[in-house]
């Protein structure tokens, strides 16, 4: 079993425990305290979304991690992880200053450029995904995202 599959299995088990134990506890605690008026979709909506996405990504890694060649591609391993963490840190620092949409577009463009994605897929996702996520978070979950005058 490769390190990818071991990590994916651990993350899948962690996501299952998170979704099965911790997320329901958030709802029970909010109900017991009588708080949670801020949440329009319930206090467990975003944690459930996060845990479900983690489980989906872990399953995807388990299914897709079979490699025929022992070589790793550019951006994999510890250097790729450090580079990705740096991109995330820069995005987190910029987001309050330039707003969610520009920061998300720059983040995706940087990730796709550094990790050499197919250009047309990167272009579609870079332009479409931030708008979709912005609308879902703002309109459905009523999450206040950082913004600037133009966005």
C-alpha atoms as a PDB file:
ATOM      1  CA  UNK A   1       0.000   0.000   0.000  1.00  0.00           C
ATOM      2  CA  UNK A   2       1.422   3.385  -1.004  1.00  0.00           C
ATOM      3  CA  UNK A   3       1.643   6.444   1.209  1.00  0.00           C
ATOM      4  CA  UNK A   4      -1.120   8.097  -0.841  1.00  0.00           C
ATOM      5  CA  UNK A   5      -3.519   5.251  -0.155  1.00  0.00           C
ATOM      6  CA  UNK A   6      -2.628   5.115   3.546  1.00  0.00           C
ATOM      7  CA  UNK A   7      -3.214   8.864   3.911  1.00  0.00           C
ATOM      8  CA  UNK A   8      -6.461   8.679   1.920  1.00  0.00           C
ATOM      9  CA  UNK A   9      -7.706   5.823   4.107  1.00  0.00           C
ATOM     10  CA  UNK A  10      -6.852   7.759   7.286  1.00  0.00           C
ATOM     11  CA  UNK A  11      -8.603  10.868   5.942  1.00  0.00           C
ATOM     12  CA  UNK A  12     -11.647   8.839   4.933  1.00  0.00           C
ATOM     13  CA  UNK A  13     -11.884   7.354   8.429  1.00  0.00           C
ATOM     14  CA  UNK A  14     -11.388  10.813   9.938  1.00  0.00           C
ATOM     15  CA  UNK A  15     -14.133  12.261   7.709  1.00  0.00           C
ATOM     16  CA  UNK A  16     -16.471   9.447   8.734  1.00  0.00           C
ATOM     17  CA  UNK A  17     -15.804  10.134  12.421  1.00  0.00           C
ATOM     18  CA  UNK A  18     -16.200  13.877  11.868  1.00  0.00           C
ATOM     19  CA  UNK A  19     -19.506  13.439  10.053  1.00  0.00           C
ATOM     20  CA  UNK A  20     -20.779  10.757  12.404  1.00  0.00           C
ATOM     21  CA  UNK A  21     -19.805  12.236  15.769  1.00  0.00           C
ATOM     22  CA  UNK A  22     -18.645  15.855  15.688  1.00  0.00           C
ATOM     23  CA  UNK A  23     -21.102  17.410  13.216  1.00  0.00           C
ATOM     24  CA  UNK A  24     -24.239  16.057  14.938  1.00  0.00           C
ATOM     25  CA  UNK A  25     -22.826  17.281  18.257  1.00  0.00           C
ATOM     26  CA  UNK A  26     -22.713  20.842  16.878  1.00  0.00           C
ATOM     27  CA  UNK A  27     -26.450  20.675  16.176  1.00  0.00           C
ATOM     28  CA  UNK A  28     -27.231  19.204  19.588  1.00  0.00           C
ATOM     29  CA  UNK A  29     -25.149  21.833  21.364  1.00  0.00           C
ATOM     30  CA  UNK A  30     -26.863  24.657  19.467  1.00  0.00           C
ATOM     31  CA  UNK A  31     -30.306  23.223  20.248  1.00  0.00           C
ATOM     32  CA  UNK A  32     -29.455  22.759  23.932  1.00  0.00           C
ATOM     33  CA  UNK A  33     -28.202  26.326  24.284  1.00  0.00           C
ATOM     34  CA  UNK A  34     -31.069  27.804  22.310  1.00  0.00           C
ATOM     35  CA  UNK A  35     -28.676  29.686  20.053  1.00  0.00           C
ATOM     36  CA  UNK A  36     -28.126  29.434  16.335  1.00  0.00           C
ATOM     37  CA  UNK A  37     -30.441  32.222  15.148  1.00  0.00           C
ATOM     38  CA  UNK A  38     -27.640  33.400  12.842  1.00  0.00           C
ATOM     39  CA  UNK A  39     -27.754  30.188  10.835  1.00  0.00           C
ATOM     40  CA  UNK A  40     -30.461  30.068   8.188  1.00  0.00           C
ATOM     41  CA  UNK A  41     -29.670  26.542   7.033  1.00  0.00           C
ATOM     42  CA  UNK A  42     -28.721  25.093  10.389  1.00  0.00           C
ATOM     43  CA  UNK A  43     -25.366  25.164  12.166  1.00  0.00           C
ATOM     44  CA  UNK A  44     -24.284  21.841  10.679  1.00  0.00           C
ATOM     45  CA  UNK A  45     -24.604  22.752   6.981  1.00  0.00           C
ATOM     46  CA  UNK A  46     -21.055  23.968   6.363  1.00  0.00           C
ATOM     47  CA  UNK A  47     -19.337  21.340   8.559  1.00  0.00           C
ATOM     48  CA  UNK A  48     -21.347  18.644   6.771  1.00  0.00           C
ATOM     49  CA  UNK A  49     -20.289  20.079   3.415  1.00  0.00           C
ATOM     50  CA  UNK A  50     -16.620  20.151   4.480  1.00  0.00           C
ATOM     51  CA  UNK A  51     -16.669  16.592   5.832  1.00  0.00           C
ATOM     52  CA  UNK A  52     -18.444  15.285   2.748  1.00  0.00           C
ATOM     53  CA  UNK A  53     -15.923  16.940   0.425  1.00  0.00           C
ATOM     54  CA  UNK A  54     -13.059  15.416   2.418  1.00  0.00           C
ATOM     55  CA  UNK A  55     -14.656  11.979   2.112  1.00  0.00           C
ATOM     56  CA  UNK A  56     -15.186  12.420  -1.645  1.00  0.00           C
ATOM     57  CA  UNK A  57     -11.575  13.505  -2.186  1.00  0.00           C
ATOM     58  CA  UNK A  58     -10.275  10.610  -0.086  1.00  0.00           C
ATOM     59  CA  UNK A  59     -12.315   8.118  -2.115  1.00  0.00           C
ATOM     60  CA  UNK A  60     -11.055   9.744  -5.335  1.00  0.00           C
ATOM     61  CA  UNK A  61      -7.453   9.321  -4.185  1.00  0.00           C
ATOM     62  CA  UNK A  62      -8.097   5.697  -3.258  1.00  0.00           C
ATOM     63  CA  UNK A  63      -9.613   4.998  -6.661  1.00  0.00           C
ATOM     64  CA  UNK A  64      -7.159   7.003  -8.777  1.00  0.00           C
ATOM     65  CA  UNK A  65      -3.872   6.466  -6.925  1.00  0.00           C
ATOM     66  CA  UNK A  66      -2.717   3.389  -8.814  1.00  0.00           C
ATOM     67  CA  UNK A  67       0.446   4.370 -10.700  1.00  0.00           C
ATOM     68  CA  UNK A  68       2.148   2.390 -13.383  1.00  0.00           C
ATOM     69  CA  UNK A  69       5.462   4.264 -13.185  1.00  0.00           C
ATOM     70  CA  UNK A  70       7.356   4.889  -9.940  1.00  0.00           C
ATOM     71  CA  UNK A  71       8.252   8.448 -11.000  1.00  0.00           C
ATOM     72  CA  UNK A  72       6.380  11.368  -9.539  1.00  0.00           C
ATOM     73  CA  UNK A  73       5.216  14.346 -11.526  1.00  0.00           C
ATOM     74  CA  UNK A  74       6.231  17.953 -10.968  1.00  0.00           C
ATOM     75  CA  UNK A  75       4.659  19.385  -7.852  1.00  0.00           C
ATOM     76  CA  UNK A  76       4.171  16.114  -6.022  1.00  0.00           C
ATOM     77  CA  UNK A  77       5.694  15.203  -2.712  1.00  0.00           C
ATOM     78  CA  UNK A  78       7.006  17.564  -0.046  1.00  0.00           C
ATOM     79  CA  UNK A  79       8.119  20.403  -2.398  1.00  0.00           C
ATOM     80  CA  UNK A  80       4.705  20.447  -4.053  1.00  0.00           C
ATOM     81  CA  UNK A  81       2.988  20.478  -0.673  1.00  0.00           C
ATOM     82  CA  UNK A  82       5.142  23.364   0.541  1.00  0.00           C
ATOM     83  CA  UNK A  83       4.483  25.300  -2.658  1.00  0.00           C
ATOM     84  CA  UNK A  84       0.733  24.719  -2.367  1.00  0.00           C
ATOM     85  CA  UNK A  85       0.775  25.807   1.295  1.00  0.00           C
ATOM     86  CA  UNK A  86       2.579  29.005   0.266  1.00  0.00           C
ATOM     87  CA  UNK A  87      -0.061  29.715  -2.407  1.00  0.00           C
ATOM     88  CA  UNK A  88      -2.819  29.174   0.164  1.00  0.00           C
ATOM     89  CA  UNK A  89      -1.082  31.483   2.675  1.00  0.00           C
ATOM     90  CA  UNK A  90      -0.672  34.259   0.100  1.00  0.00           C
ATOM     91  CA  UNK A  91      -4.319  33.890  -0.942  1.00  0.00           C
ATOM     92  CA  UNK A  92      -5.468  34.051   2.687  1.00  0.00           C
ATOM     93  CA  UNK A  93      -3.434  37.220   3.218  1.00  0.00           C
ATOM     94  CA  UNK A  94      -4.743  38.854   0.019  1.00  0.00           C
ATOM     95  CA  UNK A  95      -8.416  37.901   0.312  1.00  0.00           C
ATOM     96  CA  UNK A  96      -9.446  40.536   2.894  1.00  0.00           C
ATOM     97  CA  UNK A  97      -7.687  43.222   0.852  1.00  0.00           C
ATOM     98  CA  UNK A  98      -8.818  42.398  -2.693  1.00  0.00           C
ATOM     99  CA  UNK A  99     -12.033  40.436  -2.097  1.00  0.00           C
ATOM    100  CA  UNK A 100     -13.134  36.834  -2.522  1.00  0.00           C
ATOM    101  CA  UNK A 101     -13.657  36.694  -6.285  1.00  0.00           C
ATOM    102  CA  UNK A 102     -10.317  38.208  -7.366  1.00  0.00           C
ATOM    103  CA  UNK A 103      -8.444  36.176  -4.738  1.00  0.00           C
ATOM    104  CA  UNK A 104     -10.159  32.946  -5.804  1.00  0.00           C
ATOM    105  CA  UNK A 105      -9.390  33.587  -9.475  1.00  0.00           C
ATOM    106  CA  UNK A 106      -5.740  34.347  -8.684  1.00  0.00           C
ATOM    107  CA  UNK A 107      -5.516  31.274  -6.436  1.00  0.00           C
ATOM    108  CA  UNK A 108      -6.854  28.930  -9.111  1.00  0.00           C
ATOM    109  CA  UNK A 109      -4.716  30.526 -11.822  1.00  0.00           C
ATOM    110  CA  UNK A 110      -1.592  30.106  -9.669  1.00  0.00           C
ATOM    111  CA  UNK A 111      -2.390  26.500  -8.781  1.00  0.00           C
ATOM    112  CA  UNK A 112      -3.137  25.553 -12.387  1.00  0.00           C
ATOM    113  CA  UNK A 113      -0.030  27.372 -13.675  1.00  0.00           C
ATOM    114  CA  UNK A 114       2.322  25.883 -11.107  1.00  0.00           C
ATOM    115  CA  UNK A 115       0.983  22.354 -11.337  1.00  0.00           C
ATOM    116  CA  UNK A 116       0.674  22.456 -15.148  1.00  0.00           C
ATOM    117  CA  UNK A 117      -2.980  21.739 -15.758  1.00  0.00           C
ATOM    118  CA  UNK A 118      -4.472  21.506 -19.235  1.00  0.00           C
ATOM    119  CA  UNK A 119      -4.964  25.132 -20.312  1.00  0.00           C
ATOM    120  CA  UNK A 120      -8.595  24.955 -21.420  1.00  0.00           C
ATOM    121  CA  UNK A 121      -9.719  23.087 -18.307  1.00  0.00           C
ATOM    122  CA  UNK A 122      -7.793  25.544 -16.138  1.00  0.00           C
ATOM    123  CA  UNK A 123      -9.352  28.519 -17.935  1.00  0.00           C
ATOM    124  CA  UNK A 124     -12.908  27.222 -17.565  1.00  0.00           C
ATOM    125  CA  UNK A 125     -12.476  26.323 -13.894  1.00  0.00           C
ATOM    126  CA  UNK A 126     -10.608  29.540 -13.064  1.00  0.00           C
ATOM    127  CA  UNK A 127     -13.400  31.694 -14.463  1.00  0.00           C
ATOM    128  CA  UNK A 128     -16.440  29.602 -13.530  1.00  0.00           C
ATOM    129  CA  UNK A 129     -15.698  28.012 -10.144  1.00  0.00           C
ATOM    130  CA  UNK A 130     -15.149  31.205  -8.077  1.00  0.00           C
ATOM    131  CA  UNK A 131     -18.435  32.694  -9.317  1.00  0.00           C
ATOM    132  CA  UNK A 132     -20.379  29.514  -8.556  1.00  0.00           C
ATOM    133  CA  UNK A 133     -18.844  29.166  -5.081  1.00  0.00           C
ATOM    134  CA  UNK A 134     -19.410  32.862  -4.403  1.00  0.00           C
ATOM    135  CA  UNK A 135     -23.089  32.614  -5.312  1.00  0.00           C
ATOM    136  CA  UNK A 136     -23.644  29.431  -3.294  1.00  0.00           C
ATOM    137  CA  UNK A 137     -21.963  30.815  -0.185  1.00  0.00           C
ATOM    138  CA  UNK A 138     -23.582  34.272  -0.424  1.00  0.00           C
ATOM    139  CA  UNK A 139     -27.103  33.329  -1.570  1.00  0.00           C
ATOM    140  CA  UNK A 140     -27.692  29.857  -0.128  1.00  0.00           C
ATOM    141  CA  UNK A 141     -25.634  29.839   3.069  1.00  0.00           C
ATOM    142  CA  UNK A 142     -25.640  33.640   3.592  1.00  0.00           C
ATOM    143  CA  UNK A 143     -21.918  33.628   4.347  1.00  0.00           C
ATOM    144  CA  UNK A 144     -20.470  37.149   4.276  1.00  0.00           C
ATOM    145  CA  UNK A 145     -17.423  36.971   2.029  1.00  0.00           C
ATOM    146  CA  UNK A 146     -14.748  39.660   1.728  1.00  0.00           C
ATOM    147  CA  UNK A 147     -15.497  42.010  -1.105  1.00  0.00           C
ATOM    148  CA  UNK A 148     -14.313  45.194  -2.731  1.00  0.00           C
ATOM    149  CA  UNK A 149     -16.159  47.941  -4.587  1.00  0.00           C
ATOM    150  CA  UNK A 150     -16.194  46.204  -7.979  1.00  0.00           C
ATOM    151  CA  UNK A 151     -17.264  42.779  -6.715  1.00  0.00           C
END
